[in-house]
Amino acid sequence: MSQYSMIVQWSDEDRLFLVTIPEFAYRVIMPCTYGKTRSEAIHHGEEVIEMYLEACLAEGESIPEPNTLQIAL
Protein backbone atom coordinates (compact mmCIF):
# COMPACT_ATOMS: atom_id res chain seq x y z
CA MET A 1 0.00 0.00 0.00
CA SER A 2 1.34 3.41 -0.92
CA GLN A 3 1.82 6.35 1.44
CA TYR A 4 -0.26 8.70 -0.70
CA SER A 5 -3.43 10.27 0.67
CA MET A 6 -6.77 8.91 -0.39
CA ILE A 7 -10.15 10.42 0.41
CA VAL A 8 -13.06 8.00 0.12
CA GLN A 9 -16.54 9.54 0.22
CA TRP A 10 -19.99 8.08 -0.27
CA SER A 11 -22.07 9.62 -3.06
CA ASP A 12 -25.85 9.32 -2.63
CA GLU A 13 -26.31 10.51 -6.20
CA ASP A 14 -24.02 7.85 -7.70
CA ARG A 15 -24.65 5.21 -5.00
CA LEU A 16 -20.89 4.59 -5.00
CA PHE A 17 -17.80 5.35 -2.93
CA LEU A 18 -15.78 8.02 -4.79
CA VAL A 19 -12.00 8.35 -4.42
CA THR A 20 -9.90 11.52 -4.52
CA ILE A 21 -6.10 11.45 -4.38
CA PRO A 22 -4.97 14.96 -3.38
CA GLU A 23 -1.31 14.65 -4.38
CA PHE A 24 -2.29 13.99 -8.00
CA ALA A 25 -5.15 16.49 -8.31
CA TYR A 26 -3.10 18.44 -10.88
CA ARG A 27 -3.17 15.43 -13.27
CA VAL A 28 -6.88 14.69 -13.45
CA ILE A 29 -10.30 15.94 -12.45
CA MET A 30 -11.24 14.49 -9.09
CA PRO A 31 -12.72 12.15 -7.99
CA CYS A 32 -10.55 9.79 -10.03
CA THR A 33 -12.12 6.39 -9.35
CA TYR A 34 -14.87 4.66 -7.41
CA GLY A 35 -16.12 1.40 -5.97
CA LYS A 36 -19.38 -0.26 -4.99
CA THR A 37 -17.88 -0.97 -1.58
CA ARG A 38 -15.37 0.99 0.49
CA SER A 39 -12.73 -1.74 0.11
CA GLU A 40 -13.27 -1.88 -3.66
CA ALA A 41 -12.87 1.91 -3.87
CA ILE A 42 -9.62 1.76 -1.88
CA HIS A 43 -8.31 -1.03 -4.11
CA HIS A 44 -9.13 1.01 -7.22
CA GLY A 45 -7.50 4.06 -5.63
CA GLU A 46 -4.26 2.11 -5.09
CA GLU A 47 -4.33 1.05 -8.76
CA VAL A 48 -4.80 4.67 -9.86
CA ILE A 49 -1.87 5.82 -7.70
CA GLU A 50 0.35 3.23 -9.40
CA MET A 51 -0.82 4.43 -12.83
CA TYR A 52 -0.09 8.06 -11.89
CA LEU A 53 3.40 7.15 -10.68
CA GLU A 54 4.11 5.21 -13.89
CA ALA A 55 2.82 8.15 -15.98
CA CYS A 56 5.06 10.61 -14.11
CA LEU A 57 8.09 8.43 -14.75
CA ALA A 58 7.20 7.86 -18.41
CA GLU A 59 6.66 11.58 -19.01
CA GLY A 60 9.77 12.67 -17.10
CA GLU A 61 7.73 14.55 -14.49
CA SER A 62 8.76 14.79 -10.88
CA ILE A 63 6.87 12.50 -8.55
CA PRO A 64 4.97 14.38 -5.85
CA GLU A 65 5.86 13.67 -2.24
CA PRO A 66 3.13 11.98 -0.21
CA ASN A 67 1.29 14.33 2.13
CA THR A 68 2.06 13.66 5.77
CA LEU A 69 0.06 14.41 8.87
CA GLN A 70 1.91 16.62 11.32
CA ILE A 71 0.51 16.50 14.83
CA ALA A 72 1.79 19.07 17.30
CA LEU A 73 2.26 17.77 20.81
PDB file of N, CA and C in Angstrom:
ATOM      1  N   MET A   1       0.850  -1.181   0.000  1.00  0.00           N
ATOM      2  CA  MET A   1       0.000   0.000   0.000  1.00  0.00           C
ATOM      3  C   MET A   1       0.893   1.241   0.000  1.00  0.00           C
ATOM      4  N   SER A   2       0.532   2.200  -0.802  1.00  0.00           N
ATOM      5  CA  SER A   2       1.337   3.415  -0.919  1.00  0.00           C
ATOM      6  C   SER A   2       1.116   4.344   0.275  1.00  0.00           C
ATOM      7  N   GLN A   3       1.943   5.362   0.360  1.00  0.00           N
ATOM      8  CA  GLN A   3       1.825   6.346   1.436  1.00  0.00           C
ATOM      9  C   GLN A   3       1.077   7.587   0.984  1.00  0.00           C
ATOM     10  N   TYR A   4       0.483   7.555  -0.195  1.00  0.00           N
ATOM     11  CA  TYR A   4      -0.259   8.704  -0.697  1.00  0.00           C
ATOM     12  C   TYR A   4      -1.629   8.795  -0.043  1.00  0.00           C
ATOM     13  N   SER A   5      -2.119  10.025   0.072  1.00  0.00           N
ATOM     14  CA  SER A   5      -3.426  10.274   0.674  1.00  0.00           C
ATOM     15  C   SER A   5      -4.530   9.779  -0.248  1.00  0.00           C
ATOM     16  N   MET A   6      -5.608   9.333   0.370  1.00  0.00           N
ATOM     17  CA  MET A   6      -6.768   8.910  -0.394  1.00  0.00           C
ATOM     18  C   MET A   6      -8.009   9.308   0.407  1.00  0.00           C
ATOM     19  N   ILE A   7      -8.893  10.043  -0.232  1.00  0.00           N
ATOM     20  CA  ILE A   7     -10.147  10.425   0.406  1.00  0.00           C
ATOM     21  C   ILE A   7     -11.244   9.587  -0.230  1.00  0.00           C
ATOM     22  N   VAL A   8     -11.970   8.843   0.599  1.00  0.00           N
ATOM     23  CA  VAL A   8     -13.056   7.998   0.122  1.00  0.00           C
ATOM     24  C   VAL A   8     -14.353   8.560   0.690  1.00  0.00           C
ATOM     25  N   GLN A   9     -15.274   8.929  -0.205  1.00  0.00           N
ATOM     26  CA  GLN A   9     -16.536   9.541   0.220  1.00  0.00           C
ATOM     27  C   GLN A   9     -17.707   8.853  -0.467  1.00  0.00           C
ATOM     28  N   TRP A  10     -18.780   8.657   0.285  1.00  0.00           N
ATOM     29  CA  TRP A  10     -19.993   8.078  -0.265  1.00  0.00           C
ATOM     30  C   TRP A  10     -20.744   9.132  -1.071  1.00  0.00           C
ATOM     31  N   SER A  11     -21.259   8.736  -2.232  1.00  0.00           N
ATOM     32  CA  SER A  11     -22.068   9.616  -3.062  1.00  0.00           C
ATOM     33  C   SER A  11     -23.482   9.050  -3.145  1.00  0.00           C
ATOM     34  N   ASP A  12     -24.449   9.752  -2.525  1.00  0.00           N
ATOM     35  CA  ASP A  12     -25.845   9.317  -2.625  1.00  0.00           C
ATOM     36  C   ASP A  12     -26.328   9.348  -4.069  1.00  0.00           C
ATOM     37  N   GLU A  13     -25.883  10.362  -4.809  1.00  0.00           N
ATOM     38  CA  GLU A  13     -26.306  10.513  -6.202  1.00  0.00           C
ATOM     39  C   GLU A  13     -25.843   9.333  -7.064  1.00  0.00           C
ATOM     40  N   ASP A  14     -24.589   8.932  -6.892  1.00  0.00           N
ATOM     41  CA  ASP A  14     -24.022   7.854  -7.703  1.00  0.00           C
ATOM     42  C   ASP A  14     -24.219   6.475  -7.079  1.00  0.00           C
ATOM     43  N   ARG A  15     -24.527   6.458  -5.760  1.00  0.00           N
ATOM     44  CA  ARG A  15     -24.646   5.213  -5.003  1.00  0.00           C
ATOM     45  C   ARG A  15     -23.336   4.425  -5.047  1.00  0.00           C
ATOM     46  N   LEU A  16     -22.223   5.156  -4.943  1.00  0.00           N
ATOM     47  CA  LEU A  16     -20.888   4.589  -5.001  1.00  0.00           C
ATOM     48  C   LEU A  16     -19.974   5.320  -4.025  1.00  0.00           C
ATOM     49  N   PHE A  17     -18.856   4.685  -3.678  1.00  0.00           N
ATOM     50  CA  PHE A  17     -17.798   5.355  -2.933  1.00  0.00           C
ATOM     51  C   PHE A  17     -16.859   5.981  -3.964  1.00  0.00           C
ATOM     52  N   LEU A  18     -16.641   7.287  -3.859  1.00  0.00           N
ATOM     53  CA  LEU A  18     -15.783   8.020  -4.788  1.00  0.00           C
ATOM     54  C   LEU A  18     -14.430   8.284  -4.136  1.00  0.00           C
ATOM     55  N   VAL A  19     -13.369   8.215  -4.937  1.00  0.00           N
ATOM     56  CA  VAL A  19     -12.004   8.354  -4.425  1.00  0.00           C
ATOM     57  C   VAL A  19     -11.327   9.586  -5.015  1.00  0.00           C
ATOM     58  N   THR A  20     -10.716  10.362  -4.153  1.00  0.00           N
ATOM     59  CA  THR A  20      -9.904  11.517  -4.523  1.00  0.00           C
ATOM     60  C   THR A  20      -8.492  11.276  -3.987  1.00  0.00           C
ATOM     61  N   ILE A  21      -7.494  11.597  -4.800  1.00  0.00           N
ATOM     62  CA  ILE A  21      -6.098  11.453  -4.377  1.00  0.00           C
ATOM     63  C   ILE A  21      -5.455  12.836  -4.479  1.00  0.00           C
ATOM     64  N   PRO A  22      -5.393  13.560  -3.362  1.00  0.00           N
ATOM     65  CA  PRO A  22      -4.972  14.961  -3.376  1.00  0.00           C
ATOM     66  C   PRO A  22      -3.624  15.238  -4.042  1.00  0.00           C
ATOM     67  N   GLU A  23      -2.636  14.384  -3.834  1.00  0.00           N
ATOM     68  CA  GLU A  23      -1.309  14.648  -4.376  1.00  0.00           C
ATOM     69  C   GLU A  23      -1.278  14.661  -5.911  1.00  0.00           C
ATOM     70  N   PHE A  24      -2.261  14.053  -6.536  1.00  0.00           N
ATOM     71  CA  PHE A  24      -2.295  13.988  -8.003  1.00  0.00           C
ATOM     72  C   PHE A  24      -3.450  14.785  -8.593  1.00  0.00           C
ATOM     73  N   ALA A  25      -4.013  15.701  -7.829  1.00  0.00           N
ATOM     74  CA  ALA A  25      -5.152  16.492  -8.307  1.00  0.00           C
ATOM     75  C   ALA A  25      -4.798  17.319  -9.544  1.00  0.00           C
ATOM     76  N   TYR A  26      -3.524  17.650  -9.717  1.00  0.00           N
ATOM     77  CA  TYR A  26      -3.104  18.439 -10.877  1.00  0.00           C
ATOM     78  C   TYR A  26      -3.158  17.623 -12.169  1.00  0.00           C
ATOM     79  N   ARG A  27      -3.206  16.297 -12.082  1.00  0.00           N
ATOM     80  CA  ARG A  27      -3.172  15.434 -13.270  1.00  0.00           C
ATOM     81  C   ARG A  27      -4.551  15.150 -13.844  1.00  0.00           C
ATOM     82  N   VAL A  28      -5.568  15.149 -13.007  1.00  0.00           N
ATOM     83  CA  VAL A  28      -6.884  14.687 -13.452  1.00  0.00           C
ATOM     84  C   VAL A  28      -7.977  15.341 -12.613  1.00  0.00           C
ATOM     85  N   ILE A  29      -9.142  15.429 -13.193  1.00  0.00           N
ATOM     86  CA  ILE A  29     -10.300  15.937 -12.445  1.00  0.00           C
ATOM     87  C   ILE A  29     -10.650  14.905 -11.375  1.00  0.00           C
ATOM     88  N   MET A  30     -10.909  15.384 -10.194  1.00  0.00           N
ATOM     89  CA  MET A  30     -11.242  14.490  -9.090  1.00  0.00           C
ATOM     90  C   MET A  30     -12.744  14.451  -8.888  1.00  0.00           C
ATOM     91  N   PRO A  31     -13.341  13.398  -8.392  1.00  0.00           N
ATOM     92  CA  PRO A  31     -12.716  12.148  -7.988  1.00  0.00           C
ATOM     93  C   PRO A  31     -12.209  11.363  -9.191  1.00  0.00           C
ATOM     94  N   CYS A  32     -11.232  10.477  -8.931  1.00  0.00           N
ATOM     95  CA  CYS A  32     -10.549   9.793 -10.026  1.00  0.00           C
ATOM     96  C   CYS A  32     -10.978   8.346 -10.211  1.00  0.00           C
ATOM     97  N   THR A  33     -11.620   7.753  -9.210  1.00  0.00           N
ATOM     98  CA  THR A  33     -12.118   6.387  -9.346  1.00  0.00           C
ATOM     99  C   THR A  33     -13.226   6.167  -8.329  1.00  0.00           C
ATOM    100  N   TYR A  34     -13.732   4.951  -8.277  1.00  0.00           N
ATOM    101  CA  TYR A  34     -14.875   4.665  -7.412  1.00  0.00           C
ATOM    102  C   TYR A  34     -14.935   3.174  -7.109  1.00  0.00           C
ATOM    103  N   GLY A  35     -15.860   2.807  -6.256  1.00  0.00           N
ATOM    104  CA  GLY A  35     -16.118   1.398  -5.966  1.00  0.00           C
ATOM    105  C   GLY A  35     -17.507   1.233  -5.392  1.00  0.00           C
ATOM    106  N   LYS A  36     -18.061   0.041  -5.556  1.00  0.00           N
ATOM    107  CA  LYS A  36     -19.379  -0.261  -4.994  1.00  0.00           C
ATOM    108  C   LYS A  36     -19.300  -0.430  -3.485  1.00  0.00           C
ATOM    109  N   THR A  37     -18.128  -0.862  -3.017  1.00  0.00           N
ATOM    110  CA  THR A  37     -17.879  -0.971  -1.576  1.00  0.00           C
ATOM    111  C   THR A  37     -16.672  -0.102  -1.236  1.00  0.00           C
ATOM    112  N   ARG A  38     -16.506   0.177   0.044  1.00  0.00           N
ATOM    113  CA  ARG A  38     -15.367   0.987   0.492  1.00  0.00           C
ATOM    114  C   ARG A  38     -14.050   0.287   0.139  1.00  0.00           C
ATOM    115  N   SER A  39     -13.977  -1.017   0.392  1.00  0.00           N
ATOM    116  CA  SER A  39     -12.730  -1.739   0.111  1.00  0.00           C
ATOM    117  C   SER A  39     -12.443  -1.786  -1.388  1.00  0.00           C
ATOM    118  N   GLU A  40     -13.468  -1.909  -2.216  1.00  0.00           N
ATOM    119  CA  GLU A  40     -13.270  -1.882  -3.662  1.00  0.00           C
ATOM    120  C   GLU A  40     -12.758  -0.513  -4.106  1.00  0.00           C
ATOM    121  N   ALA A  41     -13.305   0.549  -3.527  1.00  0.00           N
ATOM    122  CA  ALA A  41     -12.875   1.911  -3.866  1.00  0.00           C
ATOM    123  C   ALA A  41     -11.405   2.118  -3.483  1.00  0.00           C
ATOM    124  N   ILE A  42     -11.004   1.626  -2.318  1.00  0.00           N
ATOM    125  CA  ILE A  42      -9.617   1.758  -1.881  1.00  0.00           C
ATOM    126  C   ILE A  42      -8.693   0.971  -2.808  1.00  0.00           C
ATOM    127  N   HIS A  43      -9.100  -0.222  -3.184  1.00  0.00           N
ATOM    128  CA  HIS A  43      -8.312  -1.030  -4.114  1.00  0.00           C
ATOM    129  C   HIS A  43      -8.133  -0.298  -5.444  1.00  0.00           C
ATOM    130  N   HIS A  44      -9.215   0.256  -5.966  1.00  0.00           N
ATOM    131  CA  HIS A  44      -9.129   1.010  -7.221  1.00  0.00           C
ATOM    132  C   HIS A  44      -8.248   2.244  -7.054  1.00  0.00           C
ATOM    133  N   GLY A  45      -8.340   2.898  -5.899  1.00  0.00           N
ATOM    134  CA  GLY A  45      -7.497   4.061  -5.627  1.00  0.00           C
ATOM    135  C   GLY A  45      -6.021   3.706  -5.657  1.00  0.00           C
ATOM    136  N   GLU A  46      -5.656   2.561  -5.071  1.00  0.00           N
ATOM    137  CA  GLU A  46      -4.261   2.112  -5.092  1.00  0.00           C
ATOM    138  C   GLU A  46      -3.796   1.860  -6.527  1.00  0.00           C
ATOM    139  N   GLU A  47      -4.668   1.284  -7.351  1.00  0.00           N
ATOM    140  CA  GLU A  47      -4.326   1.052  -8.756  1.00  0.00           C
ATOM    141  C   GLU A  47      -4.095   2.373  -9.490  1.00  0.00           C
ATOM    142  N   VAL A  48      -4.928   3.359  -9.214  1.00  0.00           N
ATOM    143  CA  VAL A  48      -4.798   4.667  -9.861  1.00  0.00           C
ATOM    144  C   VAL A  48      -3.488   5.335  -9.435  1.00  0.00           C
ATOM    145  N   ILE A  49      -3.138   5.244  -8.172  1.00  0.00           N
ATOM    146  CA  ILE A  49      -1.867   5.820  -7.702  1.00  0.00           C
ATOM    147  C   ILE A  49      -0.709   5.203  -8.474  1.00  0.00           C
ATOM    148  N   GLU A  50      -0.715   3.902  -8.635  1.00  0.00           N
ATOM    149  CA  GLU A  50       0.348   3.232  -9.397  1.00  0.00           C
ATOM    150  C   GLU A  50       0.394   3.736 -10.839  1.00  0.00           C
ATOM    151  N   MET A  51      -0.774   3.917 -11.452  1.00  0.00           N
ATOM    152  CA  MET A  51      -0.820   4.432 -12.827  1.00  0.00           C
ATOM    153  C   MET A  51      -0.263   5.850 -12.895  1.00  0.00           C
ATOM    154  N   TYR A  52      -0.605   6.694 -11.924  1.00  0.00           N
ATOM    155  CA  TYR A  52      -0.094   8.062 -11.891  1.00  0.00           C
ATOM    156  C   TYR A  52       1.424   8.061 -11.756  1.00  0.00           C
ATOM    157  N   LEU A  53       1.949   7.215 -10.873  1.00  0.00           N
ATOM    158  CA  LEU A  53       3.402   7.147 -10.681  1.00  0.00           C
ATOM    159  C   LEU A  53       4.097   6.696 -11.959  1.00  0.00           C
ATOM    160  N   GLU A  54       3.543   5.689 -12.616  1.00  0.00           N
ATOM    161  CA  GLU A  54       4.109   5.213 -13.887  1.00  0.00           C
ATOM    162  C   GLU A  54       4.069   6.311 -14.949  1.00  0.00           C
ATOM    163  N   ALA A  55       2.960   7.060 -15.001  1.00  0.00           N
ATOM    164  CA  ALA A  55       2.822   8.146 -15.976  1.00  0.00           C
ATOM    165  C   ALA A  55       3.843   9.240 -15.715  1.00  0.00           C
ATOM    166  N   CYS A  56       4.064   9.586 -14.450  1.00  0.00           N
ATOM    167  CA  CYS A  56       5.057  10.606 -14.107  1.00  0.00           C
ATOM    168  C   CYS A  56       6.438  10.179 -14.590  1.00  0.00           C
ATOM    169  N   LEU A  57       6.784   8.939 -14.332  1.00  0.00           N
ATOM    170  CA  LEU A  57       8.091   8.433 -14.747  1.00  0.00           C
ATOM    171  C   LEU A  57       8.214   8.413 -16.266  1.00  0.00           C
ATOM    172  N   ALA A  58       7.179   7.950 -16.951  1.00  0.00           N
ATOM    173  CA  ALA A  58       7.203   7.860 -18.411  1.00  0.00           C
ATOM    174  C   ALA A  58       7.301   9.234 -19.067  1.00  0.00           C
ATOM    175  N   GLU A  59       6.688  10.232 -18.438  1.00  0.00           N
ATOM    176  CA  GLU A  59       6.660  11.581 -19.006  1.00  0.00           C
ATOM    177  C   GLU A  59       7.787  12.463 -18.478  1.00  0.00           C
ATOM    178  N   GLY A  60       8.651  11.911 -17.638  1.00  0.00           N
ATOM    179  CA  GLY A  60       9.772  12.670 -17.097  1.00  0.00           C
ATOM    180  C   GLY A  60       9.372  13.723 -16.092  1.00  0.00           C
ATOM    181  N   GLU A  61       8.197  13.599 -15.500  1.00  0.00           N
ATOM    182  CA  GLU A  61       7.735  14.552 -14.486  1.00  0.00           C
ATOM    183  C   GLU A  61       8.268  14.145 -13.120  1.00  0.00           C
ATOM    184  N   SER A  62       8.367  15.124 -12.245  1.00  0.00           N
ATOM    185  CA  SER A  62       8.761  14.793 -10.877  1.00  0.00           C
ATOM    186  C   SER A  62       7.581  14.129 -10.171  1.00  0.00           C
ATOM    187  N   ILE A  63       7.901  13.212  -9.303  1.00  0.00           N
ATOM    188  CA  ILE A  63       6.871  12.497  -8.548  1.00  0.00           C
ATOM    189  C   ILE A  63       6.578  13.288  -7.285  1.00  0.00           C
ATOM    190  N   PRO A  64       5.303  13.600  -7.047  1.00  0.00           N
ATOM    191  CA  PRO A  64       4.973  14.383  -5.851  1.00  0.00           C
ATOM    192  C   PRO A  64       5.247  13.590  -4.568  1.00  0.00           C
ATOM    193  N   GLU A  65       5.657  14.294  -3.547  1.00  0.00           N
ATOM    194  CA  GLU A  65       5.865  13.669  -2.241  1.00  0.00           C
ATOM    195  C   GLU A  65       4.499  13.366  -1.623  1.00  0.00           C
ATOM    196  N   PRO A  66       4.382  12.245  -0.919  1.00  0.00           N
ATOM    197  CA  PRO A  66       3.126  11.980  -0.212  1.00  0.00           C
ATOM    198  C   PRO A  66       2.893  13.034   0.857  1.00  0.00           C
ATOM    199  N   ASN A  67       1.634  13.428   1.035  1.00  0.00           N
ATOM    200  CA  ASN A  67       1.289  14.328   2.131  1.00  0.00           C
ATOM    201  C   ASN A  67       1.479  13.578   3.437  1.00  0.00           C
ATOM    202  N   THR A  68       1.916  14.284   4.461  1.00  0.00           N
ATOM    203  CA  THR A  68       2.056  13.657   5.770  1.00  0.00           C
ATOM    204  C   THR A  68       1.280  14.464   6.787  1.00  0.00           C
ATOM    205  N   LEU A  69       0.825  13.785   7.805  1.00  0.00           N
ATOM    206  CA  LEU A  69       0.064  14.407   8.873  1.00  0.00           C
ATOM    207  C   LEU A  69       1.035  14.830   9.967  1.00  0.00           C
ATOM    208  N   GLN A  70       1.050  16.093  10.272  1.00  0.00           N
ATOM    209  CA  GLN A  70       1.907  16.617  11.322  1.00  0.00           C
ATOM    210  C   GLN A  70       1.044  16.954  12.528  1.00  0.00           C
ATOM    211  N   ILE A  71       1.285  16.273  13.619  1.00  0.00           N
ATOM    212  CA  ILE A  71       0.511  16.504  14.834  1.00  0.00           C
ATOM    213  C   ILE A  71       1.423  17.167  15.855  1.00  0.00           C
ATOM    214  N   ALA A  72       1.013  18.351  16.289  1.00  0.00           N
ATOM    215  CA  ALA A  72       1.789  19.071  17.296  1.00  0.00           C
ATOM    216  C   ALA A  72       1.449  18.523  18.675  1.00  0.00           C
ATOM    217  N   LEU A  73       2.474  18.290  19.450  1.00  0.00           N
ATOM    218  CA  LEU A  73       2.261  17.768  20.811  1.00  0.00           C
ATOM    219  C   LEU A  73       2.366  18.858  21.821  1.00  0.00           C
TER     220      LEU A  73
END
